[in-house]
Amino acid sequence: MIELFEVIAAAARSRGVADVEVSIHTSEDALTRFANNTIHQNVAERQFVVSVRPVIGQRTARATTNRTDRAGLDAVVEEAVALTSASEPDPDLLPLYSDSVNCDSARMSAAAVSCAPADRAREVREAIRMIESEGQTAAGIYSTGRESHALFNSRGLARQYSETSTVFSVTAMASDSSGWAKLSSTVHEDVRPSELARRAAMKARLSANPRELPPGEYTVVLEPAAVLDLVGQIFPDFSATSLHDQRSFLNERIGTKLFGDNIGIFDDVDHPQQNGPRFDGEGVPRRRLTLVEDGVVRDIPFSRVSAAREGREPTGHGFALPNETGEMPVNIVIAGGDATLDDLIAATERGILVSRLWYIREVEPYEKVMTGMTRDGTFLIEDGRLAAGLRNFRFNQSVVEMLQNVERLSTSVRASGEESFDMVVPAMRIRGFRFTEVTRF
C-alpha cells in the first residue's frame, strides 16, 4: 500500500502540493441470507477504496476512487486538489499529523478468511433445523469477511490495521411470537449459529400466547442487546466538539455525579472483545478513556482540532477530515458485575424481561429521553422466573434517569444490536422503567 501512497504523493507534488494524506480501505465480504427456512441468497463483494486529502494553506478537501492504475490515481489527485483549492479556508485546520509511534495491529481469524459458501450453508442448515423442530420459521444472515485500513501522509505517518469479522443474526417466528439472537466477533469460532438459533427458538416458544399488561413503571431486566441499543444513544454527546457547540447533554455536567455508583463506562480499543484500529481518522493513537467512574462523568474524547482549541492533548478519537462531528468514543465497554442474566431474573419478584429494542428516537436531548419499542422476546417475570410472554410495549424513558436506577449488573459481554455499533455491555436490572403503551404488533 505504501507504493500507492508514493504514486499519489508524487502526483500531488507535480501540482505544487507538498502536504497530502492518503487513506486506503480494502474489504472482502461474503453473506448468506435465509428466510422461510430456506437459503435464498449468497453474495460476495470486494472493495478497494483510496481517499486523498491534500492540505493547501488553511484549505482541505477529499476525493475518493476505486481505481488503482496510474491514470486513476492521477485523476483522483487532480480532483482532490481542485476541491481543496475551491474550498473555504478553515482557521482551525492543523498541519498533517506526524508521529513515529507504532500503532499497527491486526485481529485476524484464519477460519473467517477460509470460510466458504458451503461452510456457511452447512451452519445455516443446522440453525434452520433447530428452529424448524420447534414448528417455527427462520430468517437471518450469516456473513464472514476481512478488511484493512491504512493511513499515510507526507509528514511520514504510516498506520495499518487488519481484522476479520463473523456475524450471525437469526429471527425465529411463530404464529403470535418471535425470538431473536445475534453475535459478531473478530474471532470466527466465537460465533456459533446453532446456539444462537436455539436461543431465538426458545424465546419464540416461551413468548407464545402473549399476555397484555397495562402501561406503567416496572422493574425491567434489559438483556445486553437492549442495553446496547438504548445506552448507545448517548455516546455521540461524549465529544469535546459537541460540548463546545453546546449540543451535548454533558454541558455543565463534566465532573458531576450523573449516574448511579455502579456505573462505569470506558472507551478501550484494546479490550479483548473490541475491534477496530488503534488509531483515529488522522492517525492519532487511541487512548483508553474513563468516560464514567462510579457514576461521575470523567474523560471526554478530543480530536486534534478540539484539543488544540482547549489546550489539551488529543485522545485518538477524531474522525477523518473534513467532518462536522469532531470525535466520539467507538470502543465502548460498560463495566459489569458478577451476576448472570439468570441471576438478575431470579432476584426479580415481579418485572419485565426485554430482549431487544427498535425504532429508538430521541424525544428530549438534555435528559436523553428516548422512545422506542420492545420486540422479539418480552416476558413477564414473577417470583424469579419467566411466567409468560407479553405483548410488546412502547417506552418513553430518560437514559440519564435509567442509569441512576440500575439495581444490579451481569458480567459484560460483546453485544450486537440494530440501533448502535457493537459494545461490551452487561445486562441490567432497572427500577421504574417507563412503558407508555402496548403496541399492536
Protein backbone atom coordinates (compact mmCIF):
# COMPACT_ATOMS: atom_id res chain seq x y z
CA MET A 1 0.00 0.00 0.00
CA ILE A 2 2.92 2.33 0.58
CA GLU A 3 3.61 2.18 -3.16
CA LEU A 4 0.15 3.63 -3.88
CA PHE A 5 0.83 6.44 -1.44
CA GLU A 6 4.14 7.26 -3.09
CA VAL A 7 2.47 7.48 -6.52
CA ILE A 8 -0.21 9.80 -5.11
CA ALA A 9 2.31 11.95 -3.22
CA ALA A 10 4.36 12.35 -6.41
CA ALA A 11 1.23 13.34 -8.34
CA ALA A 12 0.40 15.94 -5.69
CA ARG A 13 3.95 17.37 -5.75
CA SER A 14 3.75 17.70 -9.53
CA ARG A 15 0.81 20.05 -8.90
CA GLY A 16 2.70 22.08 -6.32
CA VAL A 17 1.07 20.40 -3.29
CA ALA A 18 3.51 19.15 -0.65
CA ASP A 19 1.08 18.01 2.04
CA VAL A 20 -1.21 15.08 1.30
CA GLU A 21 -2.91 12.37 3.35
CA VAL A 22 -3.98 9.06 1.82
CA SER A 23 -6.41 6.58 3.34
CA ILE A 24 -6.74 3.09 1.85
CA HIS A 25 -9.54 0.72 2.78
CA THR A 26 -9.93 -2.81 1.45
CA SER A 27 -12.61 -5.35 2.26
CA GLU A 28 -13.83 -8.77 1.20
CA ASP A 29 -17.29 -9.67 2.48
CA ALA A 30 -19.47 -12.71 1.85
CA LEU A 31 -23.03 -13.13 3.04
CA THR A 32 -25.56 -15.96 3.11
CA ARG A 33 -29.17 -14.82 3.59
CA PHE A 34 -32.08 -17.06 4.52
CA ALA A 35 -35.83 -16.69 5.03
CA ASN A 36 -38.83 -19.03 5.24
CA ASN A 37 -36.41 -21.77 6.33
CA THR A 38 -34.55 -21.57 3.02
CA ILE A 39 -31.29 -20.04 1.87
CA HIS A 40 -32.22 -17.65 -0.91
CA GLN A 41 -29.14 -15.54 -1.46
CA ASN A 42 -25.38 -15.84 -1.39
CA VAL A 43 -23.37 -12.78 -2.32
CA ALA A 44 -19.76 -11.64 -2.14
CA GLU A 45 -18.27 -8.19 -2.53
CA ARG A 46 -14.73 -6.92 -2.78
CA GLN A 47 -13.82 -3.26 -2.34
CA PHE A 48 -10.65 -1.24 -2.69
CA VAL A 49 -11.11 2.45 -1.88
CA VAL A 50 -8.42 5.14 -2.00
CA SER A 51 -9.16 8.52 -0.43
CA VAL A 52 -6.91 11.54 -0.97
CA ARG A 53 -6.85 14.69 1.20
CA PRO A 54 -4.47 17.50 0.25
CA VAL A 55 -3.75 20.43 2.57
CA ILE A 56 -3.16 23.77 0.88
CA GLY A 57 -2.70 26.55 3.41
CA GLN A 58 -5.86 26.53 5.53
CA ARG A 59 -7.86 24.59 2.96
CA THR A 60 -8.55 20.88 2.72
CA ALA A 61 -10.98 18.55 0.94
CA ARG A 62 -11.21 14.91 0.00
CA ALA A 63 -11.71 12.87 -3.16
CA THR A 64 -12.16 9.10 -3.42
CA THR A 65 -11.65 6.46 -6.10
CA ASN A 66 -11.64 2.69 -6.51
CA ARG A 67 -9.16 2.83 -9.38
CA THR A 68 -5.54 1.91 -8.61
CA ASP A 69 -3.93 2.35 -12.03
CA ARG A 70 -1.73 5.42 -12.52
CA ALA A 71 -4.32 7.23 -14.61
CA GLY A 72 -6.97 6.65 -11.95
CA LEU A 73 -4.70 7.79 -9.13
CA ASP A 74 -3.64 10.86 -11.08
CA ALA A 75 -7.30 11.71 -11.72
CA VAL A 76 -8.27 11.46 -8.03
CA VAL A 77 -5.35 13.70 -7.07
CA GLU A 78 -6.45 16.22 -9.68
CA GLU A 79 -9.98 16.17 -8.26
CA ALA A 80 -8.82 16.42 -4.64
CA VAL A 81 -6.54 19.38 -5.40
CA ALA A 82 -9.32 21.15 -7.32
CA LEU A 83 -11.82 20.62 -4.49
CA THR A 84 -9.32 21.81 -1.92
CA SER A 85 -8.44 24.95 -3.90
CA ALA A 86 -12.14 25.78 -4.25
CA SER A 87 -13.00 25.21 -0.57
CA GLU A 88 -13.34 27.92 2.07
CA PRO A 89 -10.34 28.42 4.37
CA ASP A 90 -10.69 26.73 7.76
CA PRO A 91 -8.99 28.78 10.50
CA ASP A 92 -8.93 25.72 12.81
CA LEU A 93 -7.22 23.43 10.30
CA LEU A 94 -3.97 21.95 11.63
CA PRO A 95 -0.96 20.66 9.71
CA LEU A 96 -0.94 16.96 8.90
CA TYR A 97 -0.29 14.76 11.91
CA SER A 98 3.20 13.35 12.41
CA ASP A 99 4.12 10.65 14.90
CA SER A 100 6.50 7.69 14.89
CA VAL A 101 4.62 5.61 17.49
CA ASN A 102 3.81 2.16 16.09
CA CYS A 103 0.05 1.64 16.08
CA ASP A 104 -0.05 -1.19 13.56
CA SER A 105 -2.13 -4.15 14.68
CA ALA A 106 -4.37 -6.95 13.47
CA ARG A 107 -7.21 -9.11 14.72
CA MET A 108 -7.32 -11.95 12.22
CA SER A 109 -9.07 -15.31 12.29
CA ALA A 110 -7.91 -17.89 9.77
CA ALA A 111 -11.27 -19.66 9.98
CA ALA A 112 -13.10 -16.49 8.93
CA VAL A 113 -10.76 -15.99 5.96
CA SER A 114 -11.20 -19.58 4.75
CA CYS A 115 -14.96 -19.81 5.37
CA ALA A 116 -16.60 -20.76 2.05
CA PRO A 117 -20.25 -20.55 0.92
CA ALA A 118 -20.64 -24.27 1.60
CA ASP A 119 -19.39 -23.79 5.16
CA ARG A 120 -21.90 -21.03 5.82
CA ALA A 121 -24.68 -23.06 4.18
CA ARG A 122 -23.93 -26.02 6.43
CA GLU A 123 -24.15 -23.87 9.58
CA VAL A 124 -27.31 -22.16 8.37
CA ARG A 125 -28.90 -25.54 7.60
CA GLU A 126 -28.31 -26.70 11.17
CA ALA A 127 -29.71 -23.44 12.55
CA ILE A 128 -32.83 -23.77 10.39
CA ARG A 129 -33.33 -27.36 11.51
CA MET A 130 -33.14 -26.24 15.12
CA ILE A 131 -35.88 -23.67 14.57
CA GLU A 132 -37.99 -25.95 12.34
CA SER A 133 -38.00 -28.55 15.12
CA GLU A 134 -39.98 -26.04 17.20
CA GLY A 135 -42.53 -25.54 14.41
CA GLN A 136 -41.14 -22.07 13.71
CA THR A 137 -39.81 -20.20 10.69
CA ALA A 138 -36.24 -18.91 10.48
CA ALA A 139 -34.82 -15.83 8.79
CA GLY A 140 -31.46 -14.13 9.09
CA ILE A 141 -27.94 -13.68 7.76
CA TYR A 142 -24.54 -15.28 8.18
CA SER A 143 -21.58 -13.22 6.98
CA THR A 144 -17.81 -13.51 7.06
CA GLY A 145 -15.18 -11.12 5.83
CA ARG A 146 -11.96 -9.26 6.34
CA GLU A 147 -10.89 -5.68 5.94
CA SER A 148 -7.82 -3.50 6.24
CA HIS A 149 -7.22 0.18 6.89
CA ALA A 150 -4.05 2.06 6.03
CA LEU A 151 -3.24 5.73 6.56
CA PHE A 152 -0.21 7.55 5.18
CA ASN A 153 0.78 11.20 4.88
CA SER A 154 3.63 13.29 3.54
CA ARG A 155 4.83 14.08 7.08
CA GLY A 156 5.97 10.46 7.43
CA LEU A 157 2.91 8.96 9.12
CA ALA A 158 2.23 5.29 8.37
CA ARG A 159 -0.53 3.30 10.07
CA GLN A 160 -2.07 -0.08 9.19
CA TYR A 161 -4.76 -2.31 10.68
CA SER A 162 -6.47 -5.53 9.59
CA GLU A 163 -9.31 -7.59 11.04
CA THR A 164 -11.75 -10.34 10.22
CA SER A 165 -15.42 -10.39 11.13
CA THR A 166 -18.09 -13.04 11.50
CA VAL A 167 -21.75 -12.13 12.05
CA PHE A 168 -24.77 -14.36 12.56
CA SER A 169 -28.25 -12.94 13.09
CA VAL A 170 -31.41 -15.04 13.29
CA THR A 171 -35.10 -14.44 13.95
CA ALA A 172 -37.39 -17.35 14.83
CA MET A 173 -41.06 -16.64 14.05
CA ALA A 174 -44.11 -18.45 15.38
CA SER A 175 -47.79 -17.65 14.86
CA ASP A 176 -48.01 -14.99 17.57
CA SER A 177 -44.46 -14.66 18.87
CA SER A 178 -40.85 -14.33 17.79
CA GLY A 179 -37.33 -14.64 19.13
CA TRP A 180 -34.02 -13.16 18.01
CA ALA A 181 -30.31 -13.62 18.57
CA LYS A 182 -27.24 -12.03 17.05
CA LEU A 183 -23.50 -12.03 17.60
CA SER A 184 -20.47 -10.63 15.83
CA SER A 185 -16.80 -11.20 16.54
CA THR A 186 -13.36 -10.88 15.01
CA VAL A 187 -12.84 -14.49 16.16
CA HIS A 188 -14.80 -16.81 13.88
CA GLU A 189 -15.11 -19.60 16.44
CA ASP A 190 -16.87 -17.28 18.91
CA VAL A 191 -19.96 -17.21 16.67
CA ARG A 192 -21.95 -20.45 16.98
CA PRO A 193 -25.02 -20.29 14.73
CA SER A 194 -26.75 -23.35 16.22
CA GLU A 195 -26.54 -21.92 19.75
CA LEU A 196 -27.91 -18.59 18.59
CA ALA A 197 -30.73 -20.37 16.74
CA ARG A 198 -31.55 -22.37 19.87
CA ARG A 199 -31.77 -19.14 21.87
CA ALA A 200 -34.04 -17.48 19.30
CA ALA A 201 -36.31 -20.53 19.09
CA MET A 202 -36.58 -20.73 22.88
CA LYS A 203 -37.66 -17.09 23.08
CA ALA A 204 -40.29 -17.58 20.38
CA ARG A 205 -41.61 -20.67 22.16
CA LEU A 206 -41.71 -19.12 25.64
CA SER A 207 -43.38 -15.92 24.42
CA ALA A 208 -46.27 -17.70 22.64
CA ASN A 209 -49.82 -16.66 23.54
CA PRO A 210 -48.61 -13.34 24.95
CA ARG A 211 -50.46 -11.61 27.74
CA GLU A 212 -51.17 -7.89 27.77
CA LEU A 213 -50.01 -5.81 30.74
CA PRO A 214 -51.10 -2.20 31.26
CA PRO A 215 -48.55 0.55 30.62
CA GLY A 216 -46.75 1.91 33.67
CA GLU A 217 -43.46 1.87 35.53
CA TYR A 218 -41.94 -1.56 36.01
CA THR A 219 -38.76 -3.17 37.19
CA VAL A 220 -37.11 -4.38 34.00
CA VAL A 221 -34.24 -6.66 33.13
CA LEU A 222 -32.63 -5.45 29.92
CA GLU A 223 -30.57 -8.05 28.09
CA PRO A 224 -27.20 -6.81 26.76
CA ALA A 225 -28.59 -6.15 23.25
CA ALA A 226 -31.31 -3.91 24.73
CA VAL A 227 -28.76 -2.11 26.91
CA LEU A 228 -26.59 -1.52 23.85
CA ASP A 229 -29.44 -0.16 21.75
CA LEU A 230 -30.62 2.28 24.43
CA VAL A 231 -27.43 3.39 26.20
CA GLY A 232 -25.65 3.56 22.86
CA GLN A 233 -27.75 6.62 22.00
CA ILE A 234 -25.81 8.83 24.43
CA PHE A 235 -22.25 8.42 23.18
CA PRO A 236 -22.25 10.98 20.34
CA ASP A 237 -22.58 13.54 23.16
CA PHE A 238 -19.30 12.36 24.72
CA SER A 239 -17.39 14.73 22.47
CA ALA A 240 -15.36 17.87 23.05
CA THR A 241 -16.80 19.29 19.82
CA SER A 242 -20.39 18.64 20.95
CA LEU A 243 -19.62 20.30 24.28
CA HIS A 244 -18.02 23.31 22.57
CA ASP A 245 -21.06 23.67 20.31
CA GLN A 246 -23.41 23.47 23.34
CA ARG A 247 -25.25 20.47 21.89
CA SER A 248 -24.26 17.79 24.41
CA PHE A 249 -26.30 16.62 27.38
CA LEU A 250 -22.96 16.72 29.27
CA ASN A 251 -22.72 20.52 29.13
CA GLU A 252 -22.23 21.75 32.73
CA ARG A 253 -22.06 18.10 33.89
CA ILE A 254 -18.40 17.09 33.49
CA GLY A 255 -17.07 16.01 36.87
CA THR A 256 -20.55 15.68 38.35
CA LYS A 257 -22.28 12.56 39.58
CA LEU A 258 -24.82 11.92 36.86
CA PHE A 259 -25.44 8.16 37.16
CA GLY A 260 -25.54 5.52 39.87
CA ASP A 261 -22.50 4.40 41.89
CA ASN A 262 -22.39 1.12 39.96
CA ILE A 263 -22.00 2.71 36.52
CA GLY A 264 -18.53 2.65 34.97
CA ILE A 265 -18.03 3.26 31.26
CA PHE A 266 -14.77 3.11 29.33
CA ASP A 267 -13.52 3.52 25.79
CA ASP A 268 -10.92 0.80 25.29
CA VAL A 269 -9.80 -0.32 21.84
CA ASP A 270 -7.50 -2.92 23.46
CA HIS A 271 -10.30 -4.74 25.25
CA PRO A 272 -10.20 -8.38 24.05
CA GLN A 273 -13.84 -8.26 22.88
CA GLN A 274 -13.48 -4.98 20.99
CA ASN A 275 -12.42 -4.33 17.41
CA GLY A 276 -11.18 -1.57 15.15
CA PRO A 277 -7.88 0.22 14.50
CA ARG A 278 -5.73 1.58 17.31
CA PHE A 279 -5.61 4.97 15.63
CA ASP A 280 -8.18 7.56 14.62
CA GLY A 281 -9.04 9.24 11.34
CA GLU A 282 -5.88 11.38 11.39
CA GLY A 283 -3.60 8.62 12.71
CA VAL A 284 -3.56 9.69 16.38
CA PRO A 285 -3.11 6.68 18.72
CA ARG A 286 -6.29 5.83 20.64
CA ARG A 287 -6.06 6.26 24.40
CA ARG A 288 -8.12 4.32 26.92
CA LEU A 289 -10.64 6.73 28.45
CA THR A 290 -12.61 6.52 31.67
CA LEU A 291 -15.82 8.14 30.48
CA VAL A 292 -17.78 7.45 33.68
CA GLU A 293 -16.39 6.33 37.04
CA ASP A 294 -18.69 5.46 39.93
CA GLY A 295 -21.43 7.42 38.17
CA VAL A 296 -19.26 10.54 37.70
CA VAL A 297 -18.53 11.82 34.18
CA ARG A 298 -14.74 11.95 33.79
CA ASP A 299 -12.90 11.84 30.45
CA ILE A 300 -14.07 13.28 27.16
CA PRO A 301 -12.61 12.40 23.74
CA PHE A 302 -10.66 15.12 21.93
CA SER A 303 -9.74 15.28 18.28
CA ARG A 304 -6.65 17.25 17.29
CA VAL A 305 -8.73 20.33 16.48
CA SER A 306 -10.76 20.32 19.69
CA ALA A 307 -7.64 19.57 21.75
CA ALA A 308 -5.75 22.50 20.20
CA ARG A 309 -8.71 24.79 20.83
CA GLU A 310 -8.80 23.90 24.54
CA GLY A 311 -5.10 23.40 25.23
CA ARG A 312 -5.43 19.63 25.67
CA GLU A 313 -3.83 16.54 24.19
CA PRO A 314 -5.78 14.63 21.52
CA THR A 315 -7.10 11.27 22.67
CA GLY A 316 -7.21 9.48 19.31
CA HIS A 317 -10.97 9.58 18.77
CA GLY A 318 -11.24 12.02 15.87
CA PHE A 319 -12.88 11.21 12.55
CA ALA A 320 -11.27 11.62 9.15
CA LEU A 321 -11.18 15.24 7.98
CA PRO A 322 -13.05 17.19 6.86
CA ASN A 323 -16.00 16.48 9.14
CA GLU A 324 -18.51 18.33 11.33
CA THR A 325 -18.70 15.69 14.07
CA GLY A 326 -15.25 16.05 15.58
CA GLU A 327 -14.80 12.97 17.70
CA MET A 328 -16.65 10.19 19.53
CA PRO A 329 -15.84 7.08 21.58
CA VAL A 330 -16.39 3.96 19.47
CA ASN A 331 -14.96 1.17 21.64
CA ILE A 332 -17.44 1.30 24.49
CA VAL A 333 -17.08 -1.03 27.47
CA ILE A 334 -19.62 -0.79 30.30
CA ALA A 335 -18.31 -2.43 33.46
CA GLY A 336 -20.44 -5.29 34.70
CA GLY A 337 -20.96 -7.17 37.91
CA ASP A 338 -20.51 -10.79 38.94
CA ALA A 339 -24.06 -11.99 38.21
CA THR A 340 -25.52 -13.83 35.24
CA LEU A 341 -28.65 -12.87 33.34
CA ASP A 342 -30.41 -15.76 35.07
CA ASP A 343 -29.33 -14.31 38.43
CA LEU A 344 -30.95 -10.98 37.58
CA ILE A 345 -34.18 -12.73 36.63
CA ALA A 346 -34.13 -14.97 39.71
CA ALA A 347 -33.74 -11.94 42.01
CA THR A 348 -36.76 -10.16 40.48
CA GLU A 349 -40.06 -10.71 42.28
CA ARG A 350 -42.11 -9.06 39.55
CA GLY A 351 -40.87 -7.34 36.45
CA ILE A 352 -40.37 -7.48 32.69
CA LEU A 353 -37.53 -9.05 30.70
CA VAL A 354 -36.69 -7.17 27.49
CA SER A 355 -34.66 -8.96 24.82
CA ARG A 356 -34.16 -6.08 22.39
CA LEU A 357 -35.45 -2.67 21.30
CA TRP A 358 -36.07 -0.96 17.98
CA TYR A 359 -37.28 2.28 16.36
CA ILE A 360 -35.48 4.26 19.05
CA ARG A 361 -35.79 8.03 18.67
CA GLU A 362 -34.79 10.97 20.83
CA VAL A 363 -37.64 12.89 22.47
CA GLU A 364 -35.72 15.32 24.71
CA PRO A 365 -31.96 15.90 24.32
CA TYR A 366 -30.73 17.10 27.73
CA GLU A 367 -32.08 14.23 29.83
CA LYS A 368 -31.75 11.91 26.80
CA VAL A 369 -35.40 10.88 26.86
CA MET A 370 -35.83 8.14 24.26
CA THR A 371 -38.85 6.44 22.83
CA GLY A 372 -38.98 3.10 21.07
CA MET A 373 -40.47 -0.38 21.25
CA THR A 374 -39.65 -3.80 22.58
CA ARG A 375 -39.59 -6.78 20.23
CA ASP A 376 -38.68 -10.45 19.73
CA GLY A 377 -38.99 -11.66 23.31
CA THR A 378 -40.68 -9.61 26.05
CA PHE A 379 -41.57 -11.58 29.17
CA LEU A 380 -43.35 -11.22 32.48
CA ILE A 381 -41.13 -12.14 35.44
CA GLU A 382 -42.90 -13.44 38.52
CA ASP A 383 -41.19 -14.91 41.59
CA GLY A 384 -37.85 -15.03 39.82
CA ARG A 385 -38.92 -16.91 36.71
CA LEU A 386 -40.33 -16.21 33.27
CA ALA A 387 -44.09 -16.58 33.76
CA ALA A 388 -45.40 -15.62 30.30
CA GLY A 389 -44.71 -13.81 27.09
CA LEU A 390 -46.02 -10.26 26.86
CA ARG A 391 -47.39 -8.04 24.15
CA ASN A 392 -44.74 -5.53 23.18
CA PHE A 393 -44.56 -2.06 24.70
CA ARG A 394 -43.63 1.43 23.62
CA PHE A 395 -41.39 3.13 26.17
CA ASN A 396 -40.59 6.76 26.99
CA GLN A 397 -37.52 6.75 29.17
CA SER A 398 -34.68 9.08 30.13
CA VAL A 399 -31.37 7.25 29.76
CA VAL A 400 -29.88 9.53 32.43
CA GLU A 401 -32.59 8.53 34.89
CA MET A 402 -32.33 4.89 33.85
CA LEU A 403 -28.61 4.79 34.66
CA GLN A 404 -29.42 6.24 38.08
CA ASN A 405 -31.83 3.37 38.76
CA VAL A 406 -29.68 0.34 37.89
CA GLU A 407 -30.01 -2.11 40.76
CA ARG A 408 -27.74 -4.91 39.53
CA LEU A 409 -25.45 -5.78 36.62
CA SER A 410 -24.49 -9.04 34.98
CA THR A 411 -20.99 -9.72 33.68
CA SER A 412 -20.23 -7.81 30.48
CA VAL A 413 -20.27 -9.47 27.06
CA ARG A 414 -19.90 -8.33 23.48
CA ALA A 415 -23.38 -7.45 22.29
CA SER A 416 -24.81 -6.76 18.85
CA GLY A 417 -27.94 -4.80 18.05
CA GLU A 418 -29.68 -2.92 15.29
CA GLU A 419 -29.62 0.65 16.65
CA SER A 420 -25.95 1.13 17.53
CA PHE A 421 -22.44 -0.22 16.96
CA ASP A 422 -21.36 -3.31 18.91
CA MET A 423 -20.26 -2.77 22.50
CA VAL A 424 -19.16 -4.76 25.54
CA VAL A 425 -22.05 -4.36 28.00
CA PRO A 426 -23.83 -6.16 30.85
CA ALA A 427 -27.48 -6.98 31.31
CA MET A 428 -29.11 -4.52 33.72
CA ARG A 429 -31.92 -4.74 36.25
CA ILE A 430 -33.54 -1.31 36.46
CA ARG A 431 -36.34 0.01 38.67
CA GLY A 432 -39.04 2.36 37.45
CA PHE A 433 -38.65 1.84 33.70
CA ARG A 434 -41.47 3.71 31.96
CA PHE A 435 -43.73 1.96 29.42
CA THR A 436 -46.31 4.25 27.87
CA GLU A 437 -48.49 1.99 25.74
CA VAL A 438 -48.94 -1.53 24.41
CA THR A 439 -48.09 -1.88 20.72
CA ARG A 440 -50.28 -3.69 18.23
CA PHE A 441 -47.57 -5.84 16.68
